[in-house]
Amino acid sequence: GDLVTGRIGKAIDFDEVDDYIDFASTDIGDTFTIEAWIKPDSSDTTIQTIAANHSARSITDGYRFFINSSGTTDGKIVLETGNGVSGDSAATATGVINFDQWNHVAVEVDRVGGTATIYHNGVDVTVDGTIRTDFDTFSDWEIGRMEGGQHFNGVIDEFRIASVAHSADWLGVCFQ
């Protein structure tokens, strides 16, 4: 991707074709938080992946953090989890994401408890927080796409993944 002006300093502009960042196998543990500033392009009419550790099938063993339902620009934020046999997703209502504008998105995950809390601009916007308790957290992962597709179209800045659950107050400060 191209280096562009970000929300804070420089950011990466992902083109939805072949731009992504690949990381080696990392165990993020049973409790973790993923967050980023994103500026998604409104012209994209399908899933836009922020980060994932497996391919684009709801039952695939792993997690996928993305915006939009398949084939739409519904502005929903989703954390999809699967164990290779079945899947479950935490999600927001539609219309949460502001396209062509900066959005701070975060998901706090409690894998053992089977819950995830999704934040948008520092506010809990979760409508369904149920996730699998047995999805893979130890594998390579990518920013800007799921393995084999569902690329992000827009800018991602200040991406972070932490092996702790950040509080709502902490995430609210990150939004400021």
N, C-alpha and C. Protein backbone atom coordinates (compact mmCIF):
# COMPACT_ATOMS: atom_id res chain seq x y z
N GLY A 1 0.82 -1.19 0.00
CA GLY A 1 0.00 0.00 0.00
C GLY A 1 0.86 1.25 0.00
N ASP A 2 0.23 2.34 -0.32
CA ASP A 2 0.93 3.62 -0.33
C ASP A 2 0.92 4.25 1.05
N LEU A 3 1.98 4.96 1.37
CA LEU A 3 2.08 5.71 2.61
C LEU A 3 1.40 7.06 2.38
N VAL A 4 0.39 7.38 3.20
CA VAL A 4 -0.39 8.61 3.04
C VAL A 4 -0.54 9.30 4.40
N THR A 5 -1.10 10.50 4.39
CA THR A 5 -1.39 11.19 5.64
C THR A 5 -2.45 10.41 6.39
N GLY A 6 -2.16 10.12 7.65
CA GLY A 6 -3.08 9.34 8.47
C GLY A 6 -3.80 10.18 9.49
N ARG A 7 -4.51 9.53 10.37
CA ARG A 7 -5.19 10.21 11.47
C ARG A 7 -4.14 10.76 12.43
N ILE A 8 -3.07 9.98 12.60
CA ILE A 8 -1.94 10.36 13.45
C ILE A 8 -0.67 10.07 12.65
N GLY A 9 -0.04 11.10 12.11
CA GLY A 9 1.17 10.88 11.31
C GLY A 9 0.84 10.25 9.96
N LYS A 10 1.59 9.20 9.60
CA LYS A 10 1.40 8.50 8.32
C LYS A 10 0.59 7.23 8.52
N ALA A 11 -0.06 6.79 7.44
CA ALA A 11 -0.89 5.59 7.46
C ALA A 11 -0.70 4.85 6.14
N ILE A 12 -1.32 3.69 6.02
CA ILE A 12 -1.23 2.91 4.78
C ILE A 12 -2.58 2.92 4.08
N ASP A 13 -2.53 3.23 2.78
CA ASP A 13 -3.71 3.22 1.93
C ASP A 13 -3.77 1.86 1.23
N PHE A 14 -4.76 1.04 1.61
CA PHE A 14 -4.94 -0.28 1.04
C PHE A 14 -5.86 -0.18 -0.18
N ASP A 15 -5.50 -0.84 -1.29
CA ASP A 15 -6.21 -0.65 -2.56
C ASP A 15 -7.30 -1.68 -2.86
N GLU A 16 -7.57 -2.59 -1.98
CA GLU A 16 -8.57 -3.64 -2.13
C GLU A 16 -8.20 -4.67 -3.19
N VAL A 17 -7.02 -4.59 -3.74
CA VAL A 17 -6.61 -5.53 -4.78
C VAL A 17 -5.56 -6.50 -4.24
N ASP A 18 -4.43 -5.95 -3.78
CA ASP A 18 -3.35 -6.83 -3.36
C ASP A 18 -2.54 -6.28 -2.18
N ASP A 19 -3.04 -5.24 -1.53
CA ASP A 19 -2.31 -4.66 -0.40
C ASP A 19 -2.74 -5.31 0.91
N TYR A 20 -1.77 -5.77 1.68
CA TYR A 20 -2.01 -6.28 3.03
C TYR A 20 -0.67 -6.42 3.72
N ILE A 21 -0.71 -6.57 5.04
CA ILE A 21 0.50 -6.78 5.84
C ILE A 21 0.38 -8.14 6.49
N ASP A 22 1.39 -8.98 6.32
CA ASP A 22 1.38 -10.35 6.82
C ASP A 22 2.32 -10.48 8.01
N PHE A 23 1.86 -11.14 9.07
CA PHE A 23 2.66 -11.36 10.26
C PHE A 23 2.83 -12.85 10.50
N ALA A 24 3.95 -13.24 11.05
CA ALA A 24 4.24 -14.63 11.38
C ALA A 24 3.31 -15.11 12.50
N SER A 25 3.30 -16.40 12.70
CA SER A 25 2.47 -17.00 13.75
C SER A 25 2.74 -16.35 15.09
N THR A 26 1.67 -15.94 15.72
CA THR A 26 1.73 -15.27 17.01
C THR A 26 0.56 -15.73 17.84
N ASP A 27 0.81 -16.09 19.08
CA ASP A 27 -0.28 -16.46 19.98
C ASP A 27 -0.75 -15.20 20.71
N ILE A 28 -1.95 -14.74 20.38
CA ILE A 28 -2.46 -13.53 21.03
C ILE A 28 -3.21 -13.83 22.31
N GLY A 29 -3.35 -15.12 22.66
CA GLY A 29 -3.93 -15.51 23.93
C GLY A 29 -5.45 -15.58 23.92
N ASP A 30 -6.01 -15.77 25.10
CA ASP A 30 -7.45 -15.91 25.26
C ASP A 30 -8.16 -14.58 25.49
N THR A 31 -7.40 -13.57 25.88
CA THR A 31 -7.96 -12.24 26.09
C THR A 31 -7.11 -11.27 25.28
N PHE A 32 -7.76 -10.52 24.38
CA PHE A 32 -7.00 -9.59 23.55
C PHE A 32 -7.89 -8.46 23.06
N THR A 33 -7.23 -7.41 22.58
CA THR A 33 -7.91 -6.25 22.01
C THR A 33 -7.27 -5.92 20.67
N ILE A 34 -8.10 -5.69 19.67
CA ILE A 34 -7.65 -5.23 18.36
C ILE A 34 -8.25 -3.84 18.17
N GLU A 35 -7.43 -2.89 17.74
CA GLU A 35 -7.98 -1.55 17.48
C GLU A 35 -7.23 -0.88 16.35
N ALA A 36 -7.89 0.06 15.71
CA ALA A 36 -7.27 0.80 14.60
C ALA A 36 -8.12 2.01 14.27
N TRP A 37 -7.49 2.97 13.65
CA TRP A 37 -8.19 4.06 12.99
C TRP A 37 -8.36 3.61 11.55
N ILE A 38 -9.59 3.65 11.03
CA ILE A 38 -9.82 3.26 9.65
C ILE A 38 -10.59 4.37 8.93
N LYS A 39 -10.31 4.49 7.64
CA LYS A 39 -11.03 5.42 6.77
C LYS A 39 -11.44 4.63 5.53
N PRO A 40 -12.56 3.89 5.63
CA PRO A 40 -12.95 3.01 4.53
C PRO A 40 -13.55 3.79 3.35
N ASP A 41 -13.25 3.32 2.15
CA ASP A 41 -13.75 3.93 0.93
C ASP A 41 -15.21 3.53 0.72
N SER A 42 -16.05 4.49 0.42
CA SER A 42 -17.49 4.23 0.26
C SER A 42 -17.82 3.47 -1.02
N SER A 43 -16.88 3.38 -1.94
CA SER A 43 -17.17 2.70 -3.20
C SER A 43 -17.12 1.18 -3.10
N ASP A 44 -16.60 0.65 -2.00
CA ASP A 44 -16.49 -0.79 -1.85
C ASP A 44 -17.82 -1.37 -1.35
N THR A 45 -18.31 -2.39 -2.02
CA THR A 45 -19.63 -2.94 -1.69
C THR A 45 -19.56 -4.37 -1.17
N THR A 46 -18.60 -4.64 -0.33
CA THR A 46 -18.51 -5.97 0.27
C THR A 46 -17.70 -5.88 1.57
N ILE A 47 -17.41 -7.02 2.14
CA ILE A 47 -16.62 -7.10 3.37
C ILE A 47 -15.27 -6.41 3.16
N GLN A 48 -14.87 -5.59 4.15
CA GLN A 48 -13.55 -4.98 4.15
C GLN A 48 -12.85 -5.42 5.44
N THR A 49 -11.80 -6.21 5.30
CA THR A 49 -11.12 -6.81 6.44
C THR A 49 -10.13 -5.85 7.07
N ILE A 50 -10.24 -5.69 8.38
CA ILE A 50 -9.27 -4.93 9.15
C ILE A 50 -8.12 -5.86 9.54
N ALA A 51 -8.44 -7.01 10.12
CA ALA A 51 -7.42 -8.00 10.50
C ALA A 51 -8.06 -9.38 10.57
N ALA A 52 -7.27 -10.39 10.26
CA ALA A 52 -7.77 -11.77 10.32
C ALA A 52 -6.61 -12.73 10.44
N ASN A 53 -6.89 -13.93 10.98
CA ASN A 53 -5.86 -14.96 11.03
C ASN A 53 -6.24 -16.21 10.23
N HIS A 54 -7.31 -16.12 9.44
CA HIS A 54 -7.69 -17.23 8.57
C HIS A 54 -8.53 -16.72 7.41
N SER A 55 -8.96 -17.63 6.56
CA SER A 55 -9.67 -17.26 5.33
C SER A 55 -11.14 -16.92 5.57
N ALA A 56 -11.78 -16.52 4.48
CA ALA A 56 -13.12 -15.95 4.53
C ALA A 56 -14.24 -16.98 4.51
N ARG A 57 -14.41 -17.71 5.57
CA ARG A 57 -15.57 -18.57 5.77
C ARG A 57 -15.90 -18.52 7.24
N SER A 58 -17.16 -18.35 7.55
CA SER A 58 -17.55 -18.14 8.95
C SER A 58 -17.17 -19.29 9.86
N ILE A 59 -17.03 -20.50 9.32
CA ILE A 59 -16.66 -21.64 10.17
C ILE A 59 -15.16 -21.90 10.21
N THR A 60 -14.38 -21.22 9.35
CA THR A 60 -12.93 -21.43 9.32
C THR A 60 -12.34 -21.17 10.70
N ASP A 61 -11.43 -22.02 11.13
CA ASP A 61 -10.84 -21.94 12.46
C ASP A 61 -9.99 -20.68 12.60
N GLY A 62 -10.47 -19.72 13.38
CA GLY A 62 -9.75 -18.47 13.61
C GLY A 62 -10.71 -17.31 13.78
N TYR A 63 -10.19 -16.09 13.59
CA TYR A 63 -11.02 -14.89 13.73
C TYR A 63 -10.85 -14.00 12.50
N ARG A 64 -11.87 -13.17 12.28
CA ARG A 64 -11.88 -12.19 11.20
C ARG A 64 -12.57 -10.94 11.73
N PHE A 65 -11.89 -9.79 11.71
CA PHE A 65 -12.42 -8.51 12.18
C PHE A 65 -12.61 -7.63 10.95
N PHE A 66 -13.86 -7.28 10.64
CA PHE A 66 -14.12 -6.57 9.39
C PHE A 66 -15.33 -5.65 9.49
N ILE A 67 -15.54 -4.88 8.43
CA ILE A 67 -16.74 -4.06 8.31
C ILE A 67 -17.53 -4.53 7.09
N ASN A 68 -18.83 -4.28 7.12
CA ASN A 68 -19.78 -4.61 6.04
C ASN A 68 -20.13 -6.10 6.02
N SER A 69 -21.41 -6.37 5.84
CA SER A 69 -21.85 -7.73 5.56
C SER A 69 -21.51 -8.02 4.10
N SER A 70 -21.46 -9.28 3.75
CA SER A 70 -21.10 -9.67 2.39
C SER A 70 -22.04 -9.04 1.36
N GLY A 71 -21.45 -8.40 0.35
CA GLY A 71 -22.20 -7.80 -0.74
C GLY A 71 -22.90 -6.50 -0.42
N THR A 72 -22.51 -5.86 0.69
CA THR A 72 -23.19 -4.62 1.09
C THR A 72 -22.19 -3.55 1.52
N THR A 73 -22.71 -2.36 1.73
CA THR A 73 -22.00 -1.29 2.44
C THR A 73 -22.85 -0.91 3.64
N ASP A 74 -23.23 -1.92 4.42
CA ASP A 74 -24.16 -1.68 5.53
C ASP A 74 -23.52 -1.04 6.75
N GLY A 75 -22.19 -0.88 6.76
CA GLY A 75 -21.52 -0.18 7.85
C GLY A 75 -21.52 -0.90 9.17
N LYS A 76 -21.71 -2.20 9.14
CA LYS A 76 -21.69 -3.03 10.35
C LYS A 76 -20.23 -3.38 10.68
N ILE A 77 -19.90 -3.49 11.96
CA ILE A 77 -18.58 -3.97 12.41
C ILE A 77 -18.79 -5.38 12.95
N VAL A 78 -17.93 -6.32 12.53
CA VAL A 78 -18.11 -7.73 12.88
C VAL A 78 -16.80 -8.36 13.33
N LEU A 79 -16.86 -9.18 14.38
CA LEU A 79 -15.78 -10.10 14.72
C LEU A 79 -16.36 -11.49 14.53
N GLU A 80 -15.87 -12.19 13.51
CA GLU A 80 -16.36 -13.52 13.18
C GLU A 80 -15.36 -14.53 13.72
N THR A 81 -15.85 -15.57 14.39
CA THR A 81 -14.98 -16.62 14.93
C THR A 81 -15.50 -17.98 14.50
N GLY A 82 -14.58 -18.90 14.26
CA GLY A 82 -14.96 -20.26 13.88
C GLY A 82 -13.97 -21.26 14.42
N ASN A 83 -14.41 -22.52 14.51
CA ASN A 83 -13.53 -23.58 15.01
C ASN A 83 -13.26 -24.66 13.97
N GLY A 84 -13.65 -24.42 12.71
CA GLY A 84 -13.47 -25.40 11.66
C GLY A 84 -14.73 -26.21 11.38
N VAL A 85 -15.68 -26.17 12.30
CA VAL A 85 -16.95 -26.88 12.15
C VAL A 85 -18.13 -25.91 12.19
N SER A 86 -18.08 -24.96 13.13
CA SER A 86 -19.16 -23.98 13.23
C SER A 86 -18.58 -22.62 13.62
N GLY A 87 -19.38 -21.59 13.46
CA GLY A 87 -18.92 -20.24 13.74
C GLY A 87 -19.94 -19.43 14.53
N ASP A 88 -19.49 -18.30 15.05
CA ASP A 88 -20.36 -17.35 15.75
C ASP A 88 -19.71 -15.98 15.62
N SER A 89 -20.54 -14.95 15.57
CA SER A 89 -20.02 -13.60 15.32
C SER A 89 -20.58 -12.59 16.31
N ALA A 90 -19.70 -11.74 16.78
CA ALA A 90 -20.12 -10.54 17.51
C ALA A 90 -20.30 -9.45 16.47
N ALA A 91 -21.30 -8.59 16.65
CA ALA A 91 -21.56 -7.59 15.62
C ALA A 91 -22.26 -6.36 16.20
N THR A 92 -22.22 -5.30 15.41
CA THR A 92 -22.94 -4.07 15.72
C THR A 92 -24.19 -4.01 14.84
N ALA A 93 -24.98 -3.01 15.04
CA ALA A 93 -26.09 -2.74 14.13
C ALA A 93 -25.52 -2.22 12.82
N THR A 94 -26.34 -2.11 11.81
CA THR A 94 -25.90 -1.52 10.55
C THR A 94 -25.78 -0.01 10.72
N GLY A 95 -25.02 0.62 9.83
CA GLY A 95 -24.91 2.07 9.82
C GLY A 95 -23.96 2.66 10.84
N VAL A 96 -23.13 1.85 11.46
CA VAL A 96 -22.20 2.35 12.48
C VAL A 96 -21.00 3.07 11.83
N ILE A 97 -20.45 2.50 10.77
CA ILE A 97 -19.26 3.06 10.13
C ILE A 97 -19.60 4.29 9.30
N ASN A 98 -18.76 5.31 9.40
CA ASN A 98 -18.86 6.51 8.57
C ASN A 98 -17.86 6.37 7.44
N PHE A 99 -18.34 6.11 6.22
CA PHE A 99 -17.45 5.92 5.09
C PHE A 99 -16.80 7.23 4.67
N ASP A 100 -15.57 7.13 4.15
CA ASP A 100 -14.78 8.27 3.71
C ASP A 100 -14.45 9.23 4.86
N GLN A 101 -14.52 8.74 6.09
CA GLN A 101 -14.19 9.52 7.28
C GLN A 101 -13.40 8.61 8.23
N TRP A 102 -12.68 9.24 9.16
CA TRP A 102 -11.94 8.46 10.15
C TRP A 102 -12.89 7.88 11.19
N ASN A 103 -12.69 6.60 11.50
CA ASN A 103 -13.44 5.87 12.52
C ASN A 103 -12.43 5.15 13.40
N HIS A 104 -12.58 5.25 14.71
CA HIS A 104 -11.77 4.43 15.61
C HIS A 104 -12.59 3.18 15.91
N VAL A 105 -12.07 2.00 15.55
CA VAL A 105 -12.76 0.74 15.80
C VAL A 105 -11.91 -0.13 16.71
N ALA A 106 -12.58 -0.85 17.60
CA ALA A 106 -11.87 -1.74 18.51
C ALA A 106 -12.78 -2.90 18.88
N VAL A 107 -12.16 -4.02 19.17
CA VAL A 107 -12.89 -5.16 19.71
C VAL A 107 -12.08 -5.73 20.86
N GLU A 108 -12.75 -5.91 21.97
CA GLU A 108 -12.15 -6.51 23.17
C GLU A 108 -12.69 -7.93 23.25
N VAL A 109 -11.81 -8.92 23.30
CA VAL A 109 -12.21 -10.32 23.19
C VAL A 109 -11.89 -11.10 24.47
N ASP A 110 -12.89 -11.82 24.95
CA ASP A 110 -12.73 -12.77 26.05
C ASP A 110 -13.09 -14.14 25.47
N ARG A 111 -12.09 -14.82 24.96
CA ARG A 111 -12.32 -16.10 24.28
C ARG A 111 -12.87 -17.14 25.23
N VAL A 112 -12.34 -17.23 26.45
CA VAL A 112 -12.80 -18.23 27.42
C VAL A 112 -14.27 -17.99 27.77
N GLY A 113 -14.65 -16.74 27.94
CA GLY A 113 -16.03 -16.40 28.27
C GLY A 113 -16.97 -16.40 27.07
N GLY A 114 -16.40 -16.45 25.85
CA GLY A 114 -17.22 -16.46 24.65
C GLY A 114 -17.89 -15.13 24.35
N THR A 115 -17.21 -14.03 24.71
CA THR A 115 -17.80 -12.72 24.47
C THR A 115 -16.80 -11.77 23.81
N ALA A 116 -17.36 -10.81 23.08
CA ALA A 116 -16.57 -9.74 22.49
C ALA A 116 -17.38 -8.45 22.60
N THR A 117 -16.68 -7.36 22.85
CA THR A 117 -17.31 -6.05 22.91
C THR A 117 -16.69 -5.20 21.81
N ILE A 118 -17.55 -4.62 20.97
CA ILE A 118 -17.09 -3.83 19.83
C ILE A 118 -17.32 -2.35 20.13
N TYR A 119 -16.28 -1.55 19.87
CA TYR A 119 -16.34 -0.10 20.11
C TYR A 119 -16.18 0.66 18.80
N HIS A 120 -16.91 1.74 18.70
CA HIS A 120 -16.77 2.67 17.57
C HIS A 120 -16.63 4.07 18.16
N ASN A 121 -15.52 4.72 17.84
CA ASN A 121 -15.24 6.07 18.36
C ASN A 121 -15.41 6.14 19.88
N GLY A 122 -14.90 5.11 20.57
CA GLY A 122 -14.87 5.08 22.03
C GLY A 122 -16.16 4.64 22.70
N VAL A 123 -17.18 4.26 21.94
CA VAL A 123 -18.48 3.89 22.51
C VAL A 123 -18.77 2.42 22.21
N ASP A 124 -19.25 1.68 23.22
CA ASP A 124 -19.67 0.30 23.04
C ASP A 124 -20.90 0.28 22.13
N VAL A 125 -20.77 -0.35 20.96
CA VAL A 125 -21.87 -0.42 19.99
C VAL A 125 -22.28 -1.87 19.70
N THR A 126 -21.92 -2.78 20.59
CA THR A 126 -22.20 -4.20 20.41
C THR A 126 -23.70 -4.47 20.53
N VAL A 127 -24.26 -5.21 19.57
CA VAL A 127 -25.65 -5.67 19.71
C VAL A 127 -25.70 -7.18 19.94
N ASP A 128 -24.67 -7.89 19.52
CA ASP A 128 -24.53 -9.32 19.78
C ASP A 128 -23.06 -9.58 20.07
N GLY A 129 -22.75 -9.93 21.30
CA GLY A 129 -21.36 -10.12 21.70
C GLY A 129 -20.93 -11.56 21.83
N THR A 130 -21.71 -12.50 21.31
CA THR A 130 -21.40 -13.92 21.46
C THR A 130 -20.40 -14.38 20.40
N ILE A 131 -19.34 -15.06 20.85
CA ILE A 131 -18.34 -15.63 19.93
C ILE A 131 -18.03 -17.06 20.36
N ARG A 132 -17.32 -17.80 19.51
CA ARG A 132 -16.86 -19.14 19.85
C ARG A 132 -15.84 -19.06 20.98
N THR A 133 -15.72 -20.12 21.75
CA THR A 133 -14.71 -20.18 22.81
C THR A 133 -13.51 -21.02 22.39
N ASP A 134 -13.57 -21.60 21.20
CA ASP A 134 -12.54 -22.56 20.79
C ASP A 134 -11.94 -22.24 19.42
N PHE A 135 -11.87 -20.95 19.05
CA PHE A 135 -11.26 -20.59 17.77
C PHE A 135 -9.75 -20.43 17.93
N ASP A 136 -9.03 -20.61 16.83
CA ASP A 136 -7.57 -20.56 16.81
C ASP A 136 -7.08 -19.12 17.04
N THR A 137 -6.17 -18.95 17.98
CA THR A 137 -5.53 -17.65 18.20
C THR A 137 -4.03 -17.70 17.94
N PHE A 138 -3.51 -18.88 17.62
CA PHE A 138 -2.08 -19.03 17.37
C PHE A 138 -1.85 -19.38 15.90
N SER A 139 -1.67 -18.38 15.10
CA SER A 139 -1.39 -18.59 13.68
C SER A 139 -0.92 -17.27 13.09
N ASP A 140 -0.48 -17.32 11.83
CA ASP A 140 -0.11 -16.07 11.18
C ASP A 140 -1.39 -15.26 10.97
N TRP A 141 -1.23 -13.96 10.85
CA TRP A 141 -2.40 -13.10 10.67
C TRP A 141 -2.04 -11.92 9.78
N GLU A 142 -3.07 -11.26 9.31
CA GLU A 142 -2.86 -10.21 8.33
C GLU A 142 -3.70 -8.97 8.66
N ILE A 143 -3.15 -7.82 8.29
CA ILE A 143 -3.89 -6.56 8.35
C ILE A 143 -4.30 -6.25 6.92
N GLY A 144 -5.57 -5.94 6.72
CA GLY A 144 -6.04 -5.52 5.41
C GLY A 144 -6.61 -6.59 4.51
N ARG A 145 -6.68 -7.83 4.99
CA ARG A 145 -7.34 -8.89 4.22
C ARG A 145 -7.46 -10.16 5.06
N MET A 146 -8.39 -11.03 4.63
CA MET A 146 -8.44 -12.40 5.11
C MET A 146 -7.57 -13.20 4.15
N GLU A 147 -7.03 -14.33 4.58
CA GLU A 147 -6.21 -15.14 3.68
C GLU A 147 -6.99 -15.44 2.41
N GLY A 148 -6.45 -15.01 1.28
CA GLY A 148 -7.06 -15.31 0.00
C GLY A 148 -8.10 -14.32 -0.48
N GLY A 149 -8.37 -13.24 0.26
CA GLY A 149 -9.35 -12.29 -0.26
C GLY A 149 -9.93 -11.37 0.79
N GLN A 150 -11.04 -10.72 0.42
CA GLN A 150 -11.76 -9.77 1.27
C GLN A 150 -10.83 -8.66 1.76
N HIS A 151 -10.18 -7.99 0.81
CA HIS A 151 -9.24 -6.92 1.11
C HIS A 151 -9.93 -5.65 1.62
N PHE A 152 -9.18 -4.85 2.35
CA PHE A 152 -9.65 -3.54 2.82
C PHE A 152 -9.44 -2.52 1.71
N ASN A 153 -10.38 -1.61 1.55
CA ASN A 153 -10.28 -0.53 0.57
C ASN A 153 -10.37 0.79 1.32
N GLY A 154 -9.22 1.41 1.55
CA GLY A 154 -9.18 2.65 2.31
C GLY A 154 -7.88 2.72 3.11
N VAL A 155 -7.90 3.54 4.13
CA VAL A 155 -6.69 3.81 4.92
C VAL A 155 -6.82 3.21 6.31
N ILE A 156 -5.75 2.57 6.78
CA ILE A 156 -5.67 2.05 8.15
C ILE A 156 -4.47 2.72 8.83
N ASP A 157 -4.72 3.22 10.04
CA ASP A 157 -3.69 3.91 10.81
C ASP A 157 -3.71 3.42 12.25
N GLU A 158 -2.55 3.46 12.89
CA GLU A 158 -2.43 3.15 14.32
C GLU A 158 -3.06 1.81 14.68
N PHE A 159 -2.82 0.79 13.87
CA PHE A 159 -3.31 -0.55 14.17
C PHE A 159 -2.58 -1.09 15.39
N ARG A 160 -3.35 -1.68 16.30
CA ARG A 160 -2.76 -2.28 17.50
C ARG A 160 -3.47 -3.58 17.83
N ILE A 161 -2.70 -4.54 18.29
CA ILE A 161 -3.27 -5.77 18.84
C ILE A 161 -2.53 -6.01 20.15
N ALA A 162 -3.29 -6.20 21.21
CA ALA A 162 -2.69 -6.36 22.54
C ALA A 162 -3.26 -7.61 23.20
N SER A 163 -2.43 -8.32 23.93
CA SER A 163 -2.89 -9.54 24.60
C SER A 163 -3.45 -9.24 25.99
N VAL A 164 -4.21 -8.15 26.05
CA VAL A 164 -4.95 -7.77 27.25
C VAL A 164 -6.29 -7.19 26.81
N ALA A 165 -7.25 -7.18 27.71
CA ALA A 165 -8.54 -6.55 27.42
C ALA A 165 -8.47 -5.10 27.89
N HIS A 166 -8.47 -4.18 26.96
CA HIS A 166 -8.45 -2.77 27.34
C HIS A 166 -9.84 -2.34 27.77
N SER A 167 -9.89 -1.50 28.79
CA SER A 167 -11.18 -1.04 29.32
C SER A 167 -11.84 -0.05 28.37
N ALA A 168 -13.13 0.17 28.59
CA ALA A 168 -13.87 1.16 27.81
C ALA A 168 -13.25 2.54 27.99
N ASP A 169 -12.80 2.86 29.21
CA ASP A 169 -12.15 4.15 29.46
C ASP A 169 -10.86 4.28 28.65
N TRP A 170 -10.07 3.22 28.61
CA TRP A 170 -8.82 3.23 27.87
C TRP A 170 -9.08 3.44 26.38
N LEU A 171 -10.07 2.72 25.84
CA LEU A 171 -10.40 2.84 24.43
C LEU A 171 -10.99 4.22 24.12
N GLY A 172 -11.72 4.79 25.08
CA GLY A 172 -12.25 6.14 24.91
C GLY A 172 -11.14 7.17 24.78
N VAL A 173 -10.09 6.99 25.57
CA VAL A 173 -8.93 7.90 25.48
C VAL A 173 -8.23 7.74 24.13
N CYS A 174 -8.12 6.50 23.64
CA CYS A 174 -7.50 6.28 22.32
C CYS A 174 -8.26 6.97 21.22
N PHE A 175 -9.58 7.09 21.38
CA PHE A 175 -10.39 7.77 20.37
C PHE A 175 -10.12 9.27 20.36
N GLN A 176 -9.80 9.82 21.51
CA GLN A 176 -9.58 11.28 21.60
C GLN A 176 -8.38 11.64 20.83
